[in-house]
Amino acid sequence: MSGYRLVDSKEIARGGFLTFSEEIFESPTGERFVRWMVEHPGAVAAVPVEDSPDGPQVVLVRQWRPALRDLLLEIPAGKLDVPGEPPDDAMARELAEEIQQRPGRLVKLATFWNSPGFSTELTHVYIALDLSPCDRPEAAKEEEQDMTIERHPLADTGRLIAAGEITDAKTIIGLALAERYLAGQQPEATR
């Protein structure tokens, strides 16, 4: 154990799927300190890959991100906001919603904490292979209505990152891990 102890936790606010709390901790030396936490249900993200004669293509989305007041080029992703839904199922749902594709194979590449200094958001990142078209399970919501789908060579994504065209952390992580996976460093398929 770390020797740190939670002394008190008080919910400050709740909004949508987030809870903001003030927590008091005690260090191993007995010193008390306050931290503010954001409880998040977690997220899923996937690098959808299509075969092409010129090499693997990734399917990305350009989506409006209100916090940045801008459009970002990202891998498909979403929150774990359906109670009891396993991350694999949530990812398949998000792929259908965002790019109207169903994965034949969905392989988990990693799980990572987004901002562990203040948030409990944990992201499960996948590579989605053997894609097949499907219908969107429900009407597009808010910023999804203006979302566009773009295909890029996987080999070109490093340039897009270096040029500042891809700046989203989950996308950068997912693309790097997808390249490793396709190069032969392969975890087992989860579905």
Protein backbone atom coordinates (compact mmCIF):
# COMPACT_ATOMS: atom_id res chain seq x y z
CA MET A 1 0.00 0.00 0.00
CA SER A 2 1.01 3.57 -0.55
CA GLY A 3 0.47 4.69 3.04
CA TYR A 4 -1.87 7.48 1.91
CA ARG A 5 -5.34 7.47 3.41
CA LEU A 6 -8.62 9.06 2.34
CA VAL A 7 -9.95 10.99 5.35
CA ASP A 8 -13.06 12.62 3.85
CA SER A 9 -14.82 13.03 0.51
CA LYS A 10 -17.54 15.56 -0.22
CA GLU A 11 -19.48 15.83 -3.49
CA ILE A 12 -19.30 19.44 -4.70
CA ALA A 13 -21.29 19.16 -7.95
CA ARG A 14 -22.73 16.67 -10.40
CA GLY A 15 -23.25 17.38 -14.07
CA GLY A 16 -24.29 14.82 -16.66
CA PHE A 17 -21.89 11.89 -16.35
CA LEU A 18 -19.33 13.72 -14.15
CA THR A 19 -19.10 14.16 -10.39
CA PHE A 20 -16.79 16.79 -8.87
CA SER A 21 -15.60 16.07 -5.31
CA GLU A 22 -13.36 17.65 -2.69
CA GLU A 23 -11.28 15.02 -0.89
CA ILE A 24 -9.01 15.18 2.12
CA PHE A 25 -6.07 12.78 2.29
CA GLU A 26 -3.47 11.99 4.92
CA SER A 27 0.11 11.24 3.87
CA PRO A 28 2.24 8.51 5.51
CA THR A 29 3.78 11.24 7.69
CA GLY A 30 0.35 12.41 8.94
CA GLU A 31 0.17 15.58 6.85
CA ARG A 32 -3.35 16.33 5.55
CA PHE A 33 -4.04 17.86 2.16
CA VAL A 34 -7.03 18.61 -0.10
CA ARG A 35 -7.48 17.51 -3.71
CA TRP A 36 -10.36 18.01 -6.12
CA MET A 37 -11.43 14.99 -8.15
CA VAL A 38 -13.56 14.42 -11.21
CA GLU A 39 -15.28 11.03 -11.31
CA HIS A 40 -15.70 9.83 -14.91
CA PRO A 41 -17.34 6.57 -16.08
CA GLY A 42 -14.43 5.75 -18.41
CA ALA A 43 -14.11 5.65 -22.18
CA VAL A 44 -13.34 3.51 -25.19
CA ALA A 45 -11.45 4.38 -28.37
CA ALA A 46 -10.45 2.38 -31.45
CA VAL A 47 -8.23 2.68 -34.49
CA PRO A 48 -10.39 1.31 -37.33
CA VAL A 49 -8.11 -0.13 -40.04
CA GLU A 50 -9.06 -0.95 -43.63
CA ASP A 51 -6.84 -2.82 -46.06
CA SER A 52 -5.87 -1.04 -49.27
CA PRO A 53 -3.36 -1.77 -52.06
CA ASP A 54 -1.17 1.04 -50.68
CA GLY A 55 -1.15 -0.31 -47.13
CA PRO A 56 -3.40 0.05 -44.11
CA GLN A 57 -5.81 2.99 -44.02
CA VAL A 58 -7.19 4.36 -40.75
CA VAL A 59 -10.71 5.70 -40.46
CA LEU A 60 -10.71 8.93 -38.45
CA VAL A 61 -13.45 11.36 -37.51
CA ARG A 62 -13.31 15.14 -37.48
CA GLN A 63 -15.48 16.18 -34.56
CA TRP A 64 -16.44 19.44 -32.85
CA ARG A 65 -14.98 19.61 -29.33
CA PRO A 66 -16.78 22.31 -27.33
CA ALA A 67 -14.03 22.66 -24.67
CA LEU A 68 -11.58 23.64 -27.43
CA ARG A 69 -14.17 25.42 -29.59
CA ASP A 70 -12.64 23.63 -32.55
CA LEU A 71 -12.77 20.52 -34.70
CA LEU A 72 -10.30 17.71 -33.91
CA LEU A 73 -9.18 14.79 -36.06
CA GLU A 74 -9.55 11.70 -33.85
CA ILE A 75 -10.08 7.97 -33.72
CA PRO A 76 -13.70 6.98 -32.93
CA ALA A 77 -14.36 7.03 -29.21
CA GLY A 78 -17.03 7.35 -26.58
CA LYS A 79 -17.94 7.21 -22.93
CA LEU A 80 -18.81 4.11 -20.95
CA ASP A 81 -22.17 5.65 -20.18
CA VAL A 82 -24.49 2.64 -20.60
CA PRO A 83 -24.76 0.94 -17.18
CA GLY A 84 -23.34 -2.59 -17.23
CA GLU A 85 -22.13 -2.43 -20.85
CA PRO A 86 -18.72 -4.10 -21.24
CA PRO A 87 -16.00 -1.95 -22.91
CA ASP A 88 -15.84 -4.27 -25.97
CA ASP A 89 -19.57 -3.87 -26.59
CA ALA A 90 -19.39 -0.11 -26.02
CA MET A 91 -16.59 0.12 -28.60
CA ALA A 92 -18.57 -1.83 -31.18
CA ARG A 93 -21.55 0.48 -30.53
CA GLU A 94 -19.40 3.61 -30.90
CA LEU A 95 -17.96 2.37 -34.22
CA ALA A 96 -21.49 1.83 -35.54
CA GLU A 97 -22.58 5.29 -34.32
CA GLU A 98 -19.57 7.23 -35.57
CA ILE A 99 -18.36 5.51 -38.75
CA GLN A 100 -21.21 3.07 -39.51
CA GLN A 101 -18.82 0.08 -39.41
CA ARG A 102 -18.89 -3.17 -37.44
CA PRO A 103 -15.56 -4.76 -36.48
CA GLY A 104 -14.99 -8.40 -37.40
CA ARG A 105 -12.09 -8.36 -34.93
CA LEU A 106 -11.66 -5.99 -32.01
CA VAL A 107 -8.32 -6.23 -30.22
CA LYS A 108 -7.62 -4.37 -26.99
CA LEU A 109 -4.21 -2.69 -27.26
CA ALA A 110 -4.00 -0.91 -23.90
CA THR A 111 -5.82 0.72 -21.03
CA PHE A 112 -4.63 4.08 -19.72
CA TRP A 113 -5.52 6.84 -17.25
CA ASN A 114 -6.21 10.09 -19.09
CA SER A 115 -5.44 12.62 -16.34
CA PRO A 116 -4.72 10.74 -13.10
CA GLY A 117 -3.83 13.91 -11.22
CA PHE A 118 -7.52 14.80 -10.92
CA SER A 119 -9.73 12.39 -12.88
CA THR A 120 -10.79 8.75 -12.70
CA GLU A 121 -11.23 8.55 -16.50
CA LEU A 122 -9.81 5.24 -17.74
CA THR A 123 -9.68 4.64 -21.51
CA HIS A 124 -9.67 1.24 -23.22
CA VAL A 125 -8.02 1.55 -26.64
CA TYR A 126 -8.50 -1.01 -29.43
CA ILE A 127 -7.67 -1.73 -33.02
CA ALA A 128 -10.75 -2.58 -35.11
CA LEU A 129 -10.16 -4.90 -38.06
CA ASP A 130 -12.21 -6.68 -40.74
CA LEU A 131 -14.73 -3.84 -40.85
CA SER A 132 -18.11 -4.22 -42.52
CA PRO A 133 -20.74 -1.53 -43.14
CA CYS A 134 -23.70 -1.31 -40.78
CA ASP A 135 -26.53 1.07 -40.02
CA ARG A 136 -26.18 3.75 -37.36
CA PRO A 137 -28.04 2.34 -34.31
CA GLU A 138 -29.64 5.71 -33.48
CA ALA A 139 -29.84 9.24 -34.81
CA ALA A 140 -26.67 11.32 -34.52
CA LYS A 141 -26.48 13.49 -31.39
CA GLU A 142 -25.40 17.13 -31.10
CA GLU A 143 -21.83 17.46 -32.38
CA GLU A 144 -21.99 14.03 -34.06
CA GLN A 145 -24.38 15.57 -36.61
CA ASP A 146 -21.53 17.53 -38.19
CA MET A 147 -18.88 14.83 -37.71
CA THR A 148 -17.05 13.88 -40.89
CA ILE A 149 -15.23 10.65 -41.67
CA GLU A 150 -11.72 10.74 -43.17
CA ARG A 151 -9.44 7.95 -44.32
CA HIS A 152 -5.67 8.35 -44.06
CA PRO A 153 -2.78 5.97 -44.70
CA LEU A 154 -1.53 4.67 -41.36
CA ALA A 155 1.99 5.38 -42.62
CA ASP A 156 1.05 9.09 -42.92
CA THR A 157 -0.25 9.54 -39.37
CA GLY A 158 3.19 10.34 -37.92
CA ARG A 159 3.39 13.31 -40.29
CA LEU A 160 -0.13 14.41 -39.29
CA ILE A 161 0.90 14.32 -35.63
CA ALA A 162 4.17 16.20 -36.26
CA ALA A 163 2.30 18.82 -38.31
CA GLY A 164 -0.19 19.41 -35.49
CA GLU A 165 -3.13 18.07 -37.49
CA ILE A 166 -3.66 15.31 -34.91
CA THR A 167 -3.32 16.63 -31.35
CA ASP A 168 -5.65 14.34 -29.38
CA ALA A 169 -3.82 12.11 -26.87
CA LYS A 170 -6.00 9.00 -27.24
CA THR A 171 -5.58 9.22 -31.01
CA ILE A 172 -1.80 9.54 -30.82
CA ILE A 173 -1.61 6.62 -28.36
CA GLY A 174 -3.98 4.49 -30.42
CA LEU A 175 -2.17 5.12 -33.70
CA ALA A 176 1.23 4.29 -32.20
CA LEU A 177 -0.11 1.05 -30.70
CA ALA A 178 -1.93 0.11 -33.92
CA GLU A 179 1.32 0.46 -35.87
CA ARG A 180 3.05 -1.85 -33.36
CA TYR A 181 0.21 -4.35 -33.55
CA LEU A 182 0.28 -4.45 -37.36
CA ALA A 183 4.08 -4.82 -37.24
CA GLY A 184 3.62 -8.12 -35.44
CA GLN A 185 3.55 -7.25 -31.74
CA GLN A 186 0.03 -8.61 -31.27
CA PRO A 187 -2.18 -9.10 -28.23
CA GLU A 188 -5.03 -11.61 -28.61
CA ALA A 189 -8.37 -10.53 -30.11
CA THR A 190 -11.09 -9.78 -27.56
CA ARG A 191 -14.01 -10.35 -29.91
